PDB file of N, CA and C in Angstrom:
ATOM      1  N   MET A   1     -63.026 -46.870  89.175  1.00  0.00           N
ATOM      2  CA  MET A   1     -64.159 -46.671  90.067  1.00  0.00           C
ATOM      3  C   MET A   1     -65.482 -46.653  89.269  1.00  0.00           C
ATOM      4  N   TRP A   2     -65.410 -46.275  88.034  1.00  0.00           N
ATOM      5  CA  TRP A   2     -66.672 -46.230  87.260  1.00  0.00           C
ATOM      6  C   TRP A   2     -67.213 -47.678  87.068  1.00  0.00           C
ATOM      7  N   VAL A   3     -66.383 -48.630  86.855  1.00  0.00           N
ATOM      8  CA  VAL A   3     -66.759 -50.004  86.690  1.00  0.00           C
ATOM      9  C   VAL A   3     -67.427 -50.525  87.970  1.00  0.00           C
ATOM     10  N   VAL A   4     -66.783 -50.185  89.133  1.00  0.00           N
ATOM     11  CA  VAL A   4     -67.311 -50.698  90.414  1.00  0.00           C
ATOM     12  C   VAL A   4     -68.636 -50.006  90.654  1.00  0.00           C
ATOM     13  N   THR A   5     -68.772 -48.696  90.394  1.00  0.00           N
ATOM     14  CA  THR A   5     -70.014 -48.019  90.601  1.00  0.00           C
ATOM     15  C   THR A   5     -71.165 -48.611  89.787  1.00  0.00           C
ATOM     16  N   GLU A   6     -70.905 -48.952  88.488  1.00  0.00           N
ATOM     17  CA  GLU A   6     -71.884 -49.502  87.647  1.00  0.00           C
ATOM     18  C   GLU A   6     -72.290 -50.942  88.056  1.00  0.00           C
ATOM     19  N   MET A   7     -71.324 -51.624  88.554  1.00  0.00           N
ATOM     20  CA  MET A   7     -71.637 -52.988  89.025  1.00  0.00           C
ATOM     21  C   MET A   7     -72.540 -52.867  90.251  1.00  0.00           C
ATOM     22  N   ASN A   8     -72.325 -51.840  91.086  1.00  0.00           N
ATOM     23  CA  ASN A   8     -73.186 -51.674  92.217  1.00  0.00           C
ATOM     24  C   ASN A   8     -74.577 -51.175  91.790  1.00  0.00           C
ATOM     25  N   ASN A   9     -74.678 -50.299  90.796  1.00  0.00           N
ATOM     26  CA  ASN A   9     -75.907 -49.834  90.302  1.00  0.00           C
ATOM     27  C   ASN A   9     -76.824 -50.945  89.774  1.00  0.00           C
ATOM     28  N   TYR A  10     -76.177 -51.865  89.032  1.00  0.00           N
ATOM     29  CA  TYR A  10     -76.876 -52.999  88.451  1.00  0.00           C
ATOM     30  C   TYR A  10     -76.964 -54.252  89.318  1.00  0.00           C
ATOM     31  N   LYS A  11     -76.487 -54.098  90.575  1.00  0.00           N
ATOM     32  CA  LYS A  11     -76.563 -55.135  91.565  1.00  0.00           C
ATOM     33  C   LYS A  11     -75.831 -56.391  91.126  1.00  0.00           C
ATOM     34  N   ILE A  12     -74.706 -56.246  90.436  1.00  0.00           N
ATOM     35  CA  ILE A  12     -73.816 -57.355  90.025  1.00  0.00           C
ATOM     36  C   ILE A  12     -72.951 -57.794  91.228  1.00  0.00           C
ATOM     37  N   ASP A  13     -72.997 -59.119  91.479  1.00  0.00           N
ATOM     38  CA  ASP A  13     -72.201 -59.606  92.578  1.00  0.00           C
ATOM     39  C   ASP A  13     -70.713 -59.536  92.215  1.00  0.00           C
ATOM     40  N   SER A  14     -69.902 -58.818  92.973  1.00  0.00           N
ATOM     41  CA  SER A  14     -68.479 -58.616  92.674  1.00  0.00           C
ATOM     42  C   SER A  14     -67.702 -59.946  92.800  1.00  0.00           C
ATOM     43  N   GLU A  15     -68.238 -60.843  93.590  1.00  0.00           N
ATOM     44  CA  GLU A  15     -67.539 -62.189  93.729  1.00  0.00           C
ATOM     45  C   GLU A  15     -67.682 -63.002  92.412  1.00  0.00           C
ATOM     46  N   LYS A  16     -68.636 -62.746  91.624  1.00  0.00           N
ATOM     47  CA  LYS A  16     -68.852 -63.437  90.390  1.00  0.00           C
ATOM     48  C   LYS A  16     -68.300 -62.759  89.185  1.00  0.00           C
ATOM     49  N   ALA A  17     -67.820 -61.516  89.276  1.00  0.00           N
ATOM     50  CA  ALA A  17     -67.308 -60.729  88.197  1.00  0.00           C
ATOM     51  C   ALA A  17     -66.003 -60.118  88.670  1.00  0.00           C
ATOM     52  N   PRO A  18     -64.943 -60.875  88.683  1.00  0.00           N
ATOM     53  CA  PRO A  18     -63.650 -60.289  89.156  1.00  0.00           C
ATOM     54  C   PRO A  18     -63.164 -59.247  88.185  1.00  0.00           C
ATOM     55  N   ILE A  19     -62.533 -58.214  88.764  1.00  0.00           N
ATOM     56  CA  ILE A  19     -61.884 -57.153  87.953  1.00  0.00           C
ATOM     57  C   ILE A  19     -60.449 -56.991  88.340  1.00  0.00           C
ATOM     58  N   ALA A  20     -59.592 -56.533  87.443  1.00  0.00           N
ATOM     59  CA  ALA A  20     -58.224 -56.323  87.699  1.00  0.00           C
ATOM     60  C   ALA A  20     -57.760 -54.996  87.109  1.00  0.00           C
ATOM     61  N   ILE A  21     -56.672 -54.486  87.611  1.00  0.00           N
ATOM     62  CA  ILE A  21     -56.045 -53.318  87.090  1.00  0.00           C
ATOM     63  C   ILE A  21     -54.862 -53.729  86.271  1.00  0.00           C
ATOM     64  N   ILE A  22     -54.827 -53.334  85.019  1.00  0.00           N
ATOM     65  CA  ILE A  22     -53.670 -53.656  84.113  1.00  0.00           C
ATOM     66  C   ILE A  22     -52.953 -52.373  83.839  1.00  0.00           C
ATOM     67  N   PRO A  23     -51.854 -52.071  84.482  1.00  0.00           N
ATOM     68  CA  PRO A  23     -51.141 -50.770  84.298  1.00  0.00           C
ATOM     69  C   PRO A  23     -50.399 -50.719  82.957  1.00  0.00           C
ATOM     70  N   LEU A  24     -50.967 -50.155  81.988  1.00  0.00           N
ATOM     71  CA  LEU A  24     -50.379 -49.963  80.643  1.00  0.00           C
ATOM     72  C   LEU A  24     -50.228 -48.526  80.286  1.00  0.00           C
ATOM     73  N   GLY A  25     -49.326 -48.211  79.476  1.00  0.00           N
ATOM     74  CA  GLY A  25     -49.159 -46.848  78.942  1.00  0.00           C
ATOM     75  C   GLY A  25     -48.010 -46.112  79.606  1.00  0.00           C
ATOM     76  N   THR A  26     -47.563 -45.071  78.885  1.00  0.00           N
ATOM     77  CA  THR A  26     -46.466 -44.238  79.339  1.00  0.00           C
ATOM     78  C   THR A  26     -46.883 -43.216  80.428  1.00  0.00           C
ATOM     79  N   GLY A  27     -48.142 -42.831  80.420  1.00  0.00           N
ATOM     80  CA  GLY A  27     -48.635 -41.774  81.280  1.00  0.00           C
ATOM     81  C   GLY A  27     -49.561 -42.334  82.394  1.00  0.00           C
ATOM     82  N   ASN A  28     -49.357 -43.641  82.754  1.00  0.00           N
ATOM     83  CA  ASN A  28     -50.246 -44.274  83.722  1.00  0.00           C
ATOM     84  C   ASN A  28     -49.752 -43.871  85.106  1.00  0.00           C
ATOM     85  N   ASP A  29     -50.249 -42.793  85.645  1.00  0.00           N
ATOM     86  CA  ASP A  29     -49.879 -42.291  86.946  1.00  0.00           C
ATOM     87  C   ASP A  29     -50.239 -43.332  88.044  1.00  0.00           C
ATOM     88  N   PHE A  30     -51.355 -44.027  87.872  1.00  0.00           N
ATOM     89  CA  PHE A  30     -51.740 -45.001  88.900  1.00  0.00           C
ATOM     90  C   PHE A  30     -50.636 -46.039  89.153  1.00  0.00           C
ATOM     91  N   SER A  31     -50.125 -46.628  88.069  1.00  0.00           N
ATOM     92  CA  SER A  31     -49.101 -47.690  88.250  1.00  0.00           C
ATOM     93  C   SER A  31     -47.818 -47.097  88.731  1.00  0.00           C
ATOM     94  N   GLN A  32     -47.465 -45.833  88.269  1.00  0.00           N
ATOM     95  CA  GLN A  32     -46.146 -45.258  88.690  1.00  0.00           C
ATOM     96  C   GLN A  32     -46.242 -44.880  90.181  1.00  0.00           C
ATOM     97  N   THR A  33     -47.414 -44.417  90.634  1.00  0.00           N
ATOM     98  CA  THR A  33     -47.576 -44.085  92.051  1.00  0.00           C
ATOM     99  C   THR A  33     -47.334 -45.275  92.948  1.00  0.00           C
ATOM    100  N   PHE A  34     -47.798 -46.459  92.548  1.00  0.00           N
ATOM    101  CA  PHE A  34     -47.640 -47.627  93.300  1.00  0.00           C
ATOM    102  C   PHE A  34     -46.242 -48.322  93.010  1.00  0.00           C
ATOM    103  N   GLY A  35     -45.464 -47.757  92.174  1.00  0.00           N
ATOM    104  CA  GLY A  35     -44.155 -48.357  91.838  1.00  0.00           C
ATOM    105  C   GLY A  35     -44.189 -49.563  90.990  1.00  0.00           C
ATOM    106  N   TRP A  36     -45.221 -49.743  90.213  1.00  0.00           N
ATOM    107  CA  TRP A  36     -45.309 -50.924  89.366  1.00  0.00           C
ATOM    108  C   TRP A  36     -44.507 -50.778  88.126  1.00  0.00           C
ATOM    109  N   GLY A  37     -43.988 -49.606  87.824  1.00  0.00           N
ATOM    110  CA  GLY A  37     -43.134 -49.416  86.638  1.00  0.00           C
ATOM    111  C   GLY A  37     -43.966 -49.310  85.396  1.00  0.00           C
ATOM    112  N   LYS A  38     -43.262 -49.203  84.296  1.00  0.00           N
ATOM    113  CA  LYS A  38     -43.894 -49.064  82.976  1.00  0.00           C
ATOM    114  C   LYS A  38     -43.941 -50.441  82.317  1.00  0.00           C
ATOM    115  N   VAL A  39     -45.160 -50.934  82.045  1.00  0.00           N
ATOM    116  CA  VAL A  39     -45.357 -52.157  81.364  1.00  0.00           C
ATOM    117  C   VAL A  39     -46.132 -51.935  80.092  1.00  0.00           C
ATOM    118  N   GLY A  40     -45.600 -52.511  79.013  1.00  0.00           N
ATOM    119  CA  GLY A  40     -46.283 -52.337  77.727  1.00  0.00           C
ATOM    120  C   GLY A  40     -46.901 -53.623  77.304  1.00  0.00           C
ATOM    121  N   PRO A  41     -47.779 -53.629  76.292  1.00  0.00           N
ATOM    122  CA  PRO A  41     -48.469 -54.839  75.883  1.00  0.00           C
ATOM    123  C   PRO A  41     -47.546 -55.940  75.502  1.00  0.00           C
ATOM    124  N   SER A  42     -46.345 -55.642  74.878  1.00  0.00           N
ATOM    125  CA  SER A  42     -45.370 -56.704  74.531  1.00  0.00           C
ATOM    126  C   SER A  42     -44.812 -57.345  75.743  1.00  0.00           C
ATOM    127  N   ASP A  43     -44.724 -56.647  76.893  1.00  0.00           N
ATOM    128  CA  ASP A  43     -44.189 -57.190  78.065  1.00  0.00           C
ATOM    129  C   ASP A  43     -45.145 -58.252  78.633  1.00  0.00           C
ATOM    130  N   LEU A  44     -46.399 -58.057  78.494  1.00  0.00           N
ATOM    131  CA  LEU A  44     -47.388 -59.029  78.945  1.00  0.00           C
ATOM    132  C   LEU A  44     -47.372 -60.352  78.154  1.00  0.00           C
ATOM    133  N   LEU A  45     -46.941 -60.268  76.937  1.00  0.00           N
ATOM    134  CA  LEU A  45     -46.897 -61.443  76.117  1.00  0.00           C
ATOM    135  C   LEU A  45     -45.604 -62.232  76.242  1.00  0.00           C
ATOM    136  N   ASP A  46     -44.574 -61.584  76.872  1.00  0.00           N
ATOM    137  CA  ASP A  46     -43.260 -62.259  77.099  1.00  0.00           C
ATOM    138  C   ASP A  46     -43.406 -63.292  78.160  1.00  0.00           C
ATOM    139  N   ASN A  47     -42.913 -64.505  77.861  1.00  0.00           N
ATOM    140  CA  ASN A  47     -43.040 -65.608  78.846  1.00  0.00           C
ATOM    141  C   ASN A  47     -42.198 -65.380  80.101  1.00  0.00           C
ATOM    142  N   ASN A  48     -41.155 -64.584  79.974  1.00  0.00           N
ATOM    143  CA  ASN A  48     -40.251 -64.354  81.056  1.00  0.00           C
ATOM    144  C   ASN A  48     -40.739 -63.259  82.037  1.00  0.00           C
ATOM    145  N   TYR A  49     -41.734 -62.624  81.756  1.00  0.00           N
ATOM    146  CA  TYR A  49     -42.234 -61.479  82.630  1.00  0.00           C
ATOM    147  C   TYR A  49     -42.896 -61.947  83.879  1.00  0.00           C
TER     148      TYR A  49
END
């Protein structure tokens, strides 16, 4: 939310600055709440993921 708030404060068009959530880490409650599972940096580099 901090990023979105700052984009709004600086009047940055959200259509021109896309943002994404990358659920990393063992304690990432956000990703676990949505059932995205635990993903580590090495998983993102795997071609089969």
